[in-house]
C-alpha cells in the first residue's frame, strides 16, 4: 500500500510518498498553499497526485 504524507503549512504543502512496502518514504514535491483561493487548485493538485501515485492512505503532519 502506498502512503501519501502531507506536511501542511500556511504557505507551502510538502508531499512525500512511501514505497509499496511502507518501509521507505521519498520526497515527492512541494505545492503552494492556496487553500483560501476559490478555484480549489490545491485540492485538484492533490487529487491528481493521489491518482497518479495510486495512494491508498494519507497521513497529515501537525505543524509544531
N, C-alpha and C. Protein backbone atom coordinates (compact mmCIF):
# COMPACT_ATOMS: atom_id res chain seq x y z
N UNK A 1 0.84 -1.17 0.00
CA UNK A 1 0.00 0.00 0.00
C UNK A 1 0.89 1.24 0.00
N UNK A 2 0.58 2.22 -0.84
CA UNK A 2 1.34 3.46 -0.88
C UNK A 2 0.65 4.50 0.00
N UNK A 3 1.49 5.22 0.75
CA UNK A 3 1.00 6.24 1.67
C UNK A 3 1.51 7.60 1.21
N UNK A 4 0.61 8.58 1.19
CA UNK A 4 0.99 9.96 0.90
C UNK A 4 1.09 10.70 2.22
N UNK A 5 2.25 11.28 2.49
CA UNK A 5 2.45 12.07 3.70
C UNK A 5 2.35 13.54 3.32
N UNK A 6 1.53 14.28 4.05
CA UNK A 6 1.32 15.70 3.77
C UNK A 6 1.80 16.51 4.96
N UNK A 7 2.73 17.43 4.69
CA UNK A 7 3.21 18.38 5.70
C UNK A 7 2.56 19.71 5.36
N UNK A 8 1.46 20.01 6.04
CA UNK A 8 0.62 21.14 5.72
C UNK A 8 1.13 22.40 6.38
N UNK A 9 1.52 23.39 5.57
CA UNK A 9 1.95 24.67 6.09
C UNK A 9 1.07 25.78 5.53
N UNK A 10 1.15 26.97 6.12
CA UNK A 10 0.29 28.06 5.68
C UNK A 10 0.71 28.60 4.31
N UNK A 11 1.97 28.44 3.94
CA UNK A 11 2.44 28.93 2.65
C UNK A 11 2.73 27.82 1.66
N UNK A 12 3.25 26.70 2.14
CA UNK A 12 3.61 25.59 1.26
C UNK A 12 3.14 24.27 1.86
N UNK A 13 2.91 23.31 0.99
CA UNK A 13 2.50 21.97 1.41
C UNK A 13 3.53 20.99 0.87
N UNK A 14 4.22 20.32 1.78
CA UNK A 14 5.22 19.33 1.38
C UNK A 14 4.58 17.96 1.26
N UNK A 15 4.97 17.23 0.21
CA UNK A 15 4.41 15.90 -0.03
C UNK A 15 5.52 14.87 -0.13
N UNK A 16 5.25 13.70 0.42
CA UNK A 16 6.16 12.57 0.30
C UNK A 16 5.31 11.32 0.10
N UNK A 17 5.88 10.32 -0.55
CA UNK A 17 5.13 9.09 -0.81
C UNK A 17 5.99 7.90 -0.41
N UNK A 18 5.35 6.89 0.13
CA UNK A 18 6.07 5.69 0.56
C UNK A 18 6.19 4.72 -0.61
N UNK A 19 7.10 3.78 -0.45
CA UNK A 19 7.15 2.67 -1.40
C UNK A 19 6.00 1.72 -1.06
N UNK A 20 5.67 0.78 -1.93
CA UNK A 20 4.53 -0.11 -1.67
C UNK A 20 4.66 -0.95 -0.39
N UNK A 21 5.89 -1.14 0.10
CA UNK A 21 6.07 -1.93 1.32
C UNK A 21 5.92 -1.08 2.58
N UNK A 22 5.79 0.23 2.41
CA UNK A 22 5.62 1.19 3.51
C UNK A 22 6.86 1.30 4.41
N UNK A 23 8.03 0.94 3.89
CA UNK A 23 9.25 0.99 4.69
C UNK A 23 10.08 2.24 4.44
N UNK A 24 9.97 2.80 3.23
CA UNK A 24 10.77 3.96 2.86
C UNK A 24 9.85 5.03 2.30
N UNK A 25 10.10 6.27 2.66
CA UNK A 25 9.32 7.39 2.14
C UNK A 25 10.25 8.30 1.35
N UNK A 26 9.77 8.74 0.20
CA UNK A 26 10.55 9.59 -0.69
C UNK A 26 9.88 10.96 -0.84
N UNK A 27 10.67 12.04 -0.82
CA UNK A 27 10.08 13.35 -1.07
C UNK A 27 9.46 13.37 -2.47
N UNK A 28 8.32 13.98 -2.59
CA UNK A 28 7.63 13.99 -3.88
C UNK A 28 7.67 15.39 -4.49
N UNK A 29 7.04 16.35 -3.84
CA UNK A 29 7.04 17.72 -4.33
C UNK A 29 6.51 18.67 -3.26
N UNK A 30 6.65 19.94 -3.54
CA UNK A 30 6.11 21.00 -2.68
C UNK A 30 5.15 21.81 -3.54
N UNK A 31 3.95 22.03 -3.03
CA UNK A 31 2.99 22.85 -3.76
C UNK A 31 2.64 24.08 -2.93
N UNK A 32 2.33 25.17 -3.62
CA UNK A 32 1.95 26.40 -2.94
C UNK A 32 0.58 26.21 -2.28
N UNK A 33 0.44 26.70 -1.07
CA UNK A 33 -0.83 26.60 -0.36
C UNK A 33 -1.74 27.74 -0.78
N UNK A 34 -2.76 27.40 -1.53
CA UNK A 34 -3.74 28.39 -1.97
C UNK A 34 -5.12 27.96 -1.49
N UNK A 35 -5.19 27.45 -0.27
CA UNK A 35 -6.43 26.92 0.28
C UNK A 35 -7.54 27.95 0.26
N UNK A 36 -7.19 29.20 0.47
CA UNK A 36 -8.21 30.23 0.55
C UNK A 36 -8.61 30.76 -0.82
N UNK A 37 -8.02 30.22 -1.85
CA UNK A 37 -8.37 30.60 -3.22
C UNK A 37 -9.66 29.87 -3.62
N UNK A 38 -10.58 30.55 -4.25
CA UNK A 38 -11.87 29.96 -4.60
C UNK A 38 -11.75 28.85 -5.65
N UNK A 39 -10.68 28.85 -6.43
CA UNK A 39 -10.56 27.85 -7.50
C UNK A 39 -10.34 26.44 -6.96
N UNK A 40 -9.85 26.32 -5.72
CA UNK A 40 -9.62 25.00 -5.14
C UNK A 40 -8.48 24.25 -5.81
N UNK A 41 -7.53 24.99 -6.36
CA UNK A 41 -6.46 24.36 -7.12
C UNK A 41 -5.61 23.39 -6.29
N UNK A 42 -5.44 23.67 -5.00
CA UNK A 42 -4.67 22.75 -4.14
C UNK A 42 -5.34 21.39 -4.10
N UNK A 43 -6.66 21.38 -3.96
CA UNK A 43 -7.39 20.13 -3.87
C UNK A 43 -7.33 19.37 -5.19
N UNK A 44 -7.38 20.09 -6.29
CA UNK A 44 -7.27 19.45 -7.61
C UNK A 44 -5.88 18.85 -7.80
N UNK A 45 -4.84 19.58 -7.37
CA UNK A 45 -3.48 19.07 -7.47
C UNK A 45 -3.32 17.81 -6.62
N UNK A 46 -3.85 17.84 -5.40
CA UNK A 46 -3.75 16.66 -4.53
C UNK A 46 -4.49 15.46 -5.13
N UNK A 47 -5.66 15.70 -5.69
CA UNK A 47 -6.42 14.61 -6.30
C UNK A 47 -5.65 13.98 -7.46
N UNK A 48 -5.00 14.80 -8.28
CA UNK A 48 -4.20 14.27 -9.40
C UNK A 48 -3.03 13.44 -8.90
N UNK A 49 -2.36 13.94 -7.85
CA UNK A 49 -1.21 13.22 -7.29
C UNK A 49 -1.65 11.89 -6.69
N UNK A 50 -2.77 11.89 -5.99
CA UNK A 50 -3.29 10.66 -5.38
C UNK A 50 -3.58 9.62 -6.45
N UNK A 51 -4.20 10.04 -7.54
CA UNK A 51 -4.48 9.10 -8.64
C UNK A 51 -3.20 8.64 -9.31
N UNK A 52 -2.31 9.58 -9.62
CA UNK A 52 -1.07 9.26 -10.33
C UNK A 52 -0.20 8.27 -9.53
N UNK A 53 -0.10 8.51 -8.23
CA UNK A 53 0.77 7.68 -7.38
C UNK A 53 0.06 6.44 -6.84
N UNK A 54 -1.25 6.32 -7.11
CA UNK A 54 -2.05 5.20 -6.61
C UNK A 54 -1.99 5.08 -5.09
N UNK A 55 -2.22 6.21 -4.44
CA UNK A 55 -2.18 6.31 -2.98
C UNK A 55 -3.41 5.64 -2.38
N UNK A 56 -3.19 4.88 -1.32
CA UNK A 56 -4.29 4.20 -0.63
C UNK A 56 -4.54 4.75 0.77
N UNK A 57 -3.57 5.49 1.30
CA UNK A 57 -3.71 6.03 2.65
C UNK A 57 -3.01 7.39 2.68
N UNK A 58 -3.56 8.31 3.48
CA UNK A 58 -2.98 9.64 3.61
C UNK A 58 -2.69 9.92 5.08
N UNK A 59 -1.51 10.49 5.34
CA UNK A 59 -1.12 10.87 6.69
C UNK A 59 -0.81 12.36 6.65
N UNK A 60 -1.41 13.13 7.56
CA UNK A 60 -1.18 14.57 7.61
C UNK A 60 -0.39 14.92 8.86
N UNK A 61 0.71 15.63 8.66
CA UNK A 61 1.53 16.05 9.79
C UNK A 61 0.94 17.26 10.47
N UNK A 62 1.23 17.41 11.74
CA UNK A 62 0.75 18.55 12.51
C UNK A 62 1.91 19.54 12.66
N UNK A 63 1.73 20.79 12.19
CA UNK A 63 2.81 21.78 12.33
C UNK A 63 3.08 22.08 13.81
N UNK A 64 4.33 22.15 14.15
CA UNK A 64 4.72 22.43 15.54
C UNK A 64 5.55 23.69 15.59
